Protein backbone atom coordinates (compact mmCIF):
# COMPACT_ATOMS: atom_id res chain seq x y z
CA MET A 1 35.10 -30.24 58.75
CA ALA A 2 31.86 -32.05 58.02
CA ILE A 3 28.29 -30.83 57.52
CA TYR A 4 25.77 -31.80 60.18
CA SER A 5 22.08 -31.04 60.73
CA ILE A 6 21.32 -29.15 63.92
CA ILE A 7 18.09 -27.95 65.52
CA LYS A 8 17.93 -24.16 65.24
CA GLY A 9 14.45 -23.55 66.65
CA THR A 10 11.26 -25.27 67.78
CA GLY A 11 7.57 -24.46 68.11
CA SER A 12 4.31 -26.21 68.92
CA TYR A 13 0.58 -25.65 69.09
CA ILE A 14 -1.39 -27.30 71.88
CA PRO A 15 -5.16 -26.94 71.39
CA THR A 16 -7.08 -25.15 74.11
CA LYS A 17 -10.01 -27.58 74.39
CA HIS A 18 -9.46 -29.98 77.33
CA VAL A 19 -11.27 -33.32 76.99
CA LYS A 20 -11.15 -35.42 80.15
CA ASN A 21 -11.81 -39.15 80.47
CA GLU A 22 -15.11 -38.54 82.22
CA ASP A 23 -16.31 -36.75 79.08
CA PHE A 24 -16.59 -40.21 77.48
CA LEU A 25 -18.95 -41.60 80.12
CA ALA A 26 -21.97 -40.86 77.93
CA ASN A 27 -20.54 -42.66 74.88
CA GLU A 28 -22.10 -45.88 73.62
CA PHE A 29 -19.07 -48.17 73.22
CA TYR A 30 -18.90 -51.28 71.07
CA ASP A 31 -16.34 -54.11 71.20
CA THR A 32 -16.55 -54.62 67.47
CA TYR A 33 -19.09 -54.11 64.71
CA ASP A 34 -22.60 -53.94 66.21
CA LYS A 35 -21.47 -55.78 69.36
CA ALA A 36 -22.14 -53.46 72.29
CA ASN A 37 -19.76 -53.50 75.24
CA GLU A 38 -21.57 -54.89 78.25
CA LYS A 39 -19.35 -53.32 80.92
CA PRO A 40 -20.36 -49.97 82.47
CA ASN A 41 -18.61 -46.94 81.02
CA GLN A 42 -17.07 -46.03 84.37
CA PHE A 43 -15.24 -49.38 84.32
CA ILE A 44 -14.12 -48.79 80.71
CA VAL A 45 -12.81 -45.31 81.50
CA ASP A 46 -11.02 -46.44 84.68
CA LYS A 47 -9.43 -49.39 82.86
CA PHE A 48 -8.36 -47.11 80.02
CA LEU A 49 -6.53 -44.81 82.43
CA GLU A 50 -4.83 -47.80 84.05
CA ILE A 51 -3.45 -49.23 80.81
CA THR A 52 -2.56 -45.97 79.02
CA THR A 53 -1.95 -43.34 81.78
CA ILE A 54 -4.06 -40.88 79.72
CA SER A 55 -6.41 -38.78 81.84
CA GLU A 56 -7.14 -36.05 79.31
CA ARG A 57 -6.32 -34.93 75.79
CA ARG A 58 -6.62 -31.78 73.66
CA TYR A 59 -8.96 -31.13 70.71
CA VAL A 60 -8.91 -28.24 68.25
CA ASP A 61 -11.73 -25.72 68.10
CA ASP A 62 -14.32 -26.25 65.36
CA ASN A 63 -12.98 -23.40 63.23
CA LEU A 64 -9.46 -24.87 62.95
CA ILE A 65 -8.03 -27.47 60.57
CA THR A 66 -4.69 -29.28 60.45
CA SER A 67 -2.90 -26.79 58.19
CA ASP A 68 -3.92 -23.99 60.59
CA ILE A 69 -2.27 -25.56 63.62
CA ALA A 70 0.74 -26.61 61.51
CA PHE A 71 1.10 -22.94 60.59
CA PHE A 72 0.86 -21.86 64.25
CA ALA A 73 3.67 -24.25 65.22
CA ALA A 74 5.76 -23.18 62.21
CA GLU A 75 5.46 -19.49 63.10
CA LYS A 76 6.75 -20.19 66.60
CA ALA A 77 9.66 -22.29 65.31
CA ILE A 78 10.70 -19.59 62.84
CA GLU A 79 10.53 -16.94 65.55
CA ASN A 80 12.44 -19.15 68.00
CA ALA A 81 15.16 -19.79 65.41
CA GLY A 82 15.45 -16.09 64.62
CA ILE A 83 15.63 -16.73 60.88
CA ASP A 84 14.25 -15.15 57.73
CA LYS A 85 11.39 -17.37 56.54
CA GLU A 86 12.43 -16.68 52.94
CA SER A 87 15.70 -18.53 53.61
CA LEU A 88 13.95 -21.89 53.95
CA ASP A 89 14.91 -24.45 51.31
CA TYR A 90 12.22 -26.99 52.17
CA ILE A 91 8.97 -27.12 54.12
CA ILE A 92 8.00 -30.71 54.94
CA VAL A 93 4.72 -31.44 56.69
CA ALA A 94 4.08 -34.87 58.18
CA HIS A 95 0.42 -35.73 58.76
CA ASN A 96 -1.93 -38.62 58.07
CA PHE A 97 -5.39 -37.23 57.31
CA GLY A 98 -5.00 -33.87 55.62
CA ASP A 99 -7.35 -31.02 56.46
CA ILE A 100 -10.56 -32.37 57.99
CA LYS A 101 -13.37 -29.96 58.77
CA SER A 102 -15.48 -30.25 61.92
CA ASN A 103 -18.65 -31.08 59.97
CA ASN A 104 -17.14 -33.47 57.41
CA ASN A 105 -14.55 -36.18 58.08
CA ARG A 106 -13.45 -36.51 54.44
CA THR A 107 -9.74 -35.85 54.02
CA ASP A 108 -8.54 -32.89 51.96
CA ASN A 109 -4.96 -33.17 50.69
CA VAL A 110 -4.95 -31.02 47.54
CA PRO A 111 -3.08 -28.74 47.56
CA SER A 112 -0.63 -30.29 50.01
CA LEU A 113 -0.66 -29.13 53.62
CA ALA A 114 2.94 -27.95 53.20
CA ALA A 115 1.85 -25.72 50.32
CA ARG A 116 -0.95 -24.34 52.49
CA VAL A 117 1.43 -23.68 55.37
CA LYS A 118 3.86 -21.92 53.02
CA ASN A 119 0.99 -19.77 51.80
CA LYS A 120 -0.15 -18.94 55.35
CA LEU A 121 3.44 -18.00 56.24
CA GLY A 122 3.47 -15.61 53.29
CA ILE A 123 6.70 -17.04 51.86
CA GLU A 124 7.39 -15.76 48.35
CA ASN A 125 10.58 -17.70 47.57
CA PRO A 126 9.60 -20.21 44.82
CA PHE A 127 12.59 -22.39 45.68
CA ALA A 128 11.28 -23.10 49.17
CA VAL A 129 9.99 -26.51 48.16
CA ALA A 130 6.86 -27.59 50.03
CA TYR A 131 5.61 -31.18 50.25
CA ASP A 132 3.92 -33.67 52.57
CA ILE A 133 4.90 -37.04 53.96
CA LEU A 134 2.49 -39.81 55.05
CA PHE A 135 4.23 -42.34 57.27
CA GLY A 136 1.92 -43.03 60.20
CA CYS A 137 2.86 -41.71 63.63
CA PRO A 138 6.61 -41.85 62.77
CA GLY A 139 6.00 -39.33 59.96
CA TRP A 140 7.57 -36.31 61.65
CA LEU A 141 10.72 -38.21 62.55
CA GLN A 142 10.94 -39.61 59.01
CA ALA A 143 10.60 -36.09 57.62
CA PHE A 144 13.38 -35.07 60.03
CA ILE A 145 15.51 -37.88 58.57
CA GLN A 146 14.75 -36.79 55.01
CA ALA A 147 15.73 -33.24 55.90
CA ASP A 148 19.04 -34.52 57.25
CA TYR A 149 19.77 -36.16 53.89
CA TYR A 150 19.06 -32.90 52.03
CA ILE A 151 21.38 -30.97 54.34
CA ARG A 152 24.23 -33.50 54.32
CA SER A 153 24.10 -33.68 50.51
CA GLY A 154 24.55 -29.92 50.27
CA ASP A 155 21.14 -29.49 48.62
CA ALA A 156 19.73 -27.45 51.51
CA LYS A 157 20.89 -25.27 54.38
CA ARG A 158 17.66 -24.69 56.28
CA ILE A 159 14.50 -26.80 56.47
CA LEU A 160 11.19 -26.48 58.32
CA VAL A 161 9.86 -29.87 59.49
CA ILE A 162 6.31 -29.98 60.87
CA GLY A 163 4.17 -32.72 62.37
CA ALA A 164 0.43 -32.02 62.67
CA ASP A 165 -2.73 -34.11 62.95
CA VAL A 166 -6.35 -33.67 64.01
CA LEU A 167 -7.27 -37.17 65.16
CA SER A 168 -10.42 -36.13 67.02
CA ARG A 169 -12.29 -35.95 63.70
CA ILE A 170 -11.37 -39.46 62.51
CA SER A 171 -11.94 -41.26 65.82
CA ASP A 172 -15.07 -43.41 66.13
CA PRO A 173 -17.13 -42.32 69.19
CA HIS A 174 -18.33 -45.94 69.52
CA ASP A 175 -14.76 -47.29 69.75
CA ARG A 176 -12.94 -47.24 73.10
CA ASP A 177 -9.69 -46.50 71.26
CA SER A 178 -11.09 -43.05 70.47
CA MET A 179 -10.01 -42.05 73.97
CA LEU A 180 -6.36 -42.38 72.88
CA TYR A 181 -6.45 -39.76 70.19
CA ALA A 182 -5.70 -36.06 70.37
CA ASP A 183 -4.89 -33.06 68.17
CA GLY A 184 -1.71 -31.00 67.99
CA ALA A 185 1.21 -29.67 65.97
CA GLY A 186 4.95 -29.33 66.46
CA ALA A 187 7.70 -27.87 64.27
CA VAL A 188 11.48 -27.72 64.10
CA ILE A 189 13.92 -25.67 62.04
CA LEU A 190 16.83 -27.88 60.96
CA GLU A 191 19.97 -26.09 59.79
CA ALA A 192 23.35 -26.99 58.29
CA ALA A 193 26.40 -26.58 60.53
CA GLU A 194 30.07 -27.31 59.91
CA SER A 195 31.93 -29.06 62.68
CA SER A 196 35.11 -31.09 63.17
CA ALA A 197 33.35 -33.12 65.88
CA PRO A 198 29.98 -34.87 65.45
CA ILE A 199 26.99 -32.68 66.38
CA GLY A 200 23.29 -32.69 65.65
CA ILE A 201 21.95 -35.74 63.84
CA ILE A 202 24.62 -38.43 63.81
CA GLY A 203 22.62 -41.44 62.63
CA HIS A 204 19.24 -43.06 62.22
CA VAL A 205 17.45 -46.31 61.39
CA THR A 206 14.02 -46.92 59.80
CA ARG A 207 12.09 -50.11 59.15
CA SER A 208 8.71 -50.96 57.57
CA ASP A 209 7.12 -54.28 58.56
CA THR A 210 4.31 -54.57 56.02
CA LYS A 211 4.12 -58.30 55.29
CA VAL A 212 2.51 -59.36 58.58
CA TYR A 213 1.66 -56.13 60.37
CA LEU A 214 0.17 -54.02 57.57
CA ASN A 215 -3.37 -53.70 58.95
CA MET A 216 -2.80 -53.26 62.68
CA LEU A 217 -3.84 -49.66 62.07
CA ASN A 218 -6.33 -49.04 59.27
CA MET A 219 -9.47 -47.17 58.35
CA GLY A 220 -12.98 -48.61 58.65
CA PRO A 221 -16.62 -47.69 59.31
CA SER A 222 -18.01 -46.95 62.76
CA PHE A 223 -18.52 -49.91 65.08
CA LYS A 224 -22.18 -48.92 65.31
CA THR A 225 -23.30 -49.43 61.75
CA ASN A 226 -27.03 -49.07 62.48
CA GLY A 227 -26.73 -45.68 64.15
CA THR A 228 -26.91 -42.09 62.96
CA ILE A 229 -23.31 -41.98 61.70
CA ASP A 230 -22.93 -41.98 57.92
CA PRO A 231 -21.89 -45.58 57.11
CA SER A 232 -19.59 -44.31 54.35
CA ASN A 233 -17.48 -42.40 56.86
CA LEU A 234 -14.16 -44.02 57.73
CA TYR A 235 -12.52 -43.98 61.16
CA LEU A 236 -9.15 -44.99 62.55
CA LYS A 237 -9.19 -48.62 63.73
CA MET A 238 -6.49 -50.39 65.72
CA ASN A 239 -5.60 -53.92 66.74
CA GLY A 240 -4.33 -52.66 70.06
CA ARG A 241 -3.15 -55.90 71.61
CA ARG A 242 -1.06 -57.00 68.62
CA LEU A 243 0.29 -53.48 68.09
CA TYR A 244 1.38 -53.30 71.72
CA GLN A 245 3.30 -56.56 71.43
CA TYR A 246 4.83 -55.57 68.09
CA ALA A 247 6.08 -52.30 69.55
CA LEU A 248 7.58 -54.01 72.59
CA GLU A 249 9.43 -56.51 70.42
CA THR A 250 10.72 -54.19 67.68
CA VAL A 251 11.13 -50.60 68.92
CA PRO A 252 13.94 -51.45 71.40
CA LEU A 253 15.75 -53.34 68.63
CA ALA A 254 15.43 -50.39 66.24
CA ILE A 255 16.80 -47.99 68.86
CA LYS A 256 19.72 -50.32 69.59
CA ALA A 257 20.41 -50.62 65.86
CA ALA A 258 20.61 -46.81 65.63
CA LEU A 259 22.88 -46.63 68.68
CA ASP A 260 25.13 -49.37 67.26
CA LYS A 261 25.26 -47.62 63.89
CA CYS A 262 26.54 -44.50 65.65
CA GLY A 263 28.92 -46.36 67.95
CA THR A 264 26.99 -45.05 70.95
CA ASP A 265 26.30 -46.91 74.19
CA ILE A 266 22.98 -46.54 75.98
CA LYS A 267 24.84 -45.20 79.03
CA GLU A 268 25.80 -42.13 76.99
CA ILE A 269 22.16 -41.20 76.39
CA SER A 270 20.71 -38.32 78.41
CA LYS A 271 17.13 -38.45 77.13
CA VAL A 272 14.94 -40.93 75.28
CA LEU A 273 12.09 -39.14 73.49
CA ILE A 274 9.56 -41.75 72.37
CA HIS A 275 6.33 -41.14 70.45
CA GLN A 276 3.65 -40.57 73.07
CA ALA A 277 1.31 -43.40 72.06
CA ASN A 278 0.55 -45.14 75.35
CA GLY A 279 2.23 -44.36 78.66
CA LYS A 280 2.46 -47.95 79.86
CA MET A 281 3.69 -49.14 76.46
CA ASP A 282 6.45 -46.52 76.39
CA GLU A 283 7.56 -47.55 79.88
CA ALA A 284 7.72 -51.18 78.77
CA ILE A 285 9.68 -50.23 75.63
CA LEU A 286 12.21 -48.33 77.75
CA LYS A 287 12.59 -51.28 80.12
CA ARG A 288 13.19 -53.67 77.23
CA LEU A 289 15.67 -51.27 75.62
CA TYR A 290 17.84 -51.15 78.73
CA ALA A 291 17.45 -54.91 79.16
CA LEU A 292 19.25 -55.33 75.82
CA TYR A 293 22.26 -53.87 77.64
CA ASN A 294 21.63 -55.96 80.77
CA ILE A 295 20.67 -52.82 82.69
CA THR A 296 17.82 -53.05 85.19
CA ASP A 297 18.42 -49.76 87.01
CA ILE A 298 17.11 -47.27 84.44
CA PRO A 299 18.31 -43.66 84.99
CA ALA A 300 15.71 -41.42 86.57
CA ASN A 301 14.08 -38.81 84.31
CA VAL A 302 15.57 -40.31 81.14
CA MET A 303 12.17 -40.51 79.41
CA PRO A 304 10.09 -37.30 79.55
CA MET A 305 6.36 -37.86 79.07
CA SER A 306 3.41 -35.70 78.05
CA ILE A 307 0.80 -38.29 77.13
CA SER A 308 -1.20 -38.27 80.37
CA TYR A 309 -2.50 -34.75 79.72
CA LEU A 310 -2.00 -34.28 75.95
CA GLY A 311 -2.96 -37.73 74.66
CA ASN A 312 -1.70 -39.25 71.41
CA SER A 313 -1.50 -36.59 68.68
CA SER A 314 0.29 -38.89 66.22
CA VAL A 315 3.07 -37.10 64.29
CA ALA A 316 2.87 -34.11 66.64
CA THR A 317 3.89 -35.87 69.87
CA LEU A 318 7.67 -35.85 69.36
CA PRO A 319 8.17 -32.25 68.14
CA THR A 320 5.69 -31.01 70.76
CA LEU A 321 7.50 -32.88 73.54
CA LEU A 322 10.84 -31.49 72.37
CA ASP A 323 9.48 -27.95 72.25
CA LEU A 324 7.99 -28.25 75.75
CA ILE A 325 11.34 -29.40 77.15
CA LEU A 326 13.42 -26.74 75.41
CA ARG A 327 11.03 -24.01 76.58
CA ASP A 328 10.93 -25.46 80.11
CA ASN A 329 7.18 -25.96 79.85
CA LEU A 330 7.05 -29.67 80.67
CA THR A 331 5.73 -29.30 84.19
CA HIS A 332 3.17 -32.10 84.57
CA SER A 333 3.58 -34.53 87.46
CA GLU A 334 4.32 -37.51 85.19
CA SER A 335 7.48 -35.72 84.07
CA SER A 336 8.52 -34.19 87.37
CA GLY A 337 12.25 -33.78 87.82
CA ASN A 338 14.99 -32.37 85.63
CA HIS A 339 14.13 -32.52 81.96
CA SER A 340 16.48 -29.87 80.65
CA ILE A 341 18.54 -30.59 77.54
CA ASN A 342 22.10 -29.31 77.68
CA LYS A 343 25.06 -28.84 75.37
CA GLY A 344 26.76 -32.17 74.68
CA ASP A 345 23.74 -34.30 75.61
CA LYS A 346 23.03 -37.31 73.42
CA ILE A 347 19.34 -37.86 72.72
CA VAL A 348 17.33 -40.71 71.23
CA PHE A 349 14.21 -40.00 69.18
CA ALA A 350 12.00 -42.99 68.33
CA SER A 351 8.53 -43.61 66.96
CA VAL A 352 6.23 -46.43 65.87
CA GLY A 353 2.97 -46.39 63.94
CA ALA A 354 0.82 -47.35 60.98
CA GLY A 355 2.52 -49.31 58.27
CA MET A 356 3.85 -50.71 60.52
CA ASN A 357 6.76 -48.28 60.56
CA ILE A 358 9.47 -47.67 63.14
CA ASN A 359 12.31 -45.17 63.19
CA ALA A 360 15.02 -44.10 65.62
CA LEU A 361 17.49 -41.23 65.50
CA ILE A 362 20.50 -40.19 67.58
CA TYR A 363 21.17 -36.49 68.17
CA ILE A 364 24.04 -34.68 69.89
CA VAL A 365 23.14 -31.27 71.28
């Protein structure tokens, strides 16, 4: 018998504020610093939809911060798992910007968000160790991988892994890329299980390409430096074209490396859950992944999607997508069809983001 890490429960928080593409029509967009975009905003918005598939996204209400929505998702995961919160050995929160208030975009990371979530949950156990991880958009999956190491080593039996970000408060209103970003939180309870046959997490691969690709995502001032925005404020900036190409070239290879490590063929995979960064990019990644196996006829419904109506909520996209599927709440037209996850299914999780970092994980239900 061996020890494996299995998903015991899931939860997510999807903000209630709907922000549609047409809500950006009044924005003053710039191509780069102090260089105004000359195309009409209707053209910009229509083109954005075409290349990303995003038609709307969700923002948190002004009274909420990242640790709040992380707590909401955690509560749901604990309830779904049917466990005693005091039995948690670790609480790991993946995020990238800490708690950011609606009237101040300075990050607040002390104490850690995990410590704040533990406090909000009312957990008294001092040996429920709480800490954060900063790893770009792949942060939640990397925290999931870390949790697997704790469980397999015998150091832990039950771990809460959360991904939460509020990107709406660090997106530059004068940058077209601001339309990508959304807010949200997702959580999973990972638990130790003994089994004679492989179950749960069976393998994973992570890479960090920092030499050439370090600054494809970084922080910088607003594109409109002579406006009313405080010039000392920093906003998320992206080299979208190069990032897109990097993801297409490397994410399929990372997924294949994880599959090879586990001795698993792509034909055995029931679902591919990819970080919801850009709908068209994810479709291209999937196509290139199957091309590595000389497969052109990709199975229908293998890649569930939520990005068209939830946007890119960074570390929250994967755990939120998983929770929606397991609760049978993924009902949007882009993911029409059967997206249930059943006993014995083999699933791929994969993400890419700032660093640049990529990770992939194979899971048997």
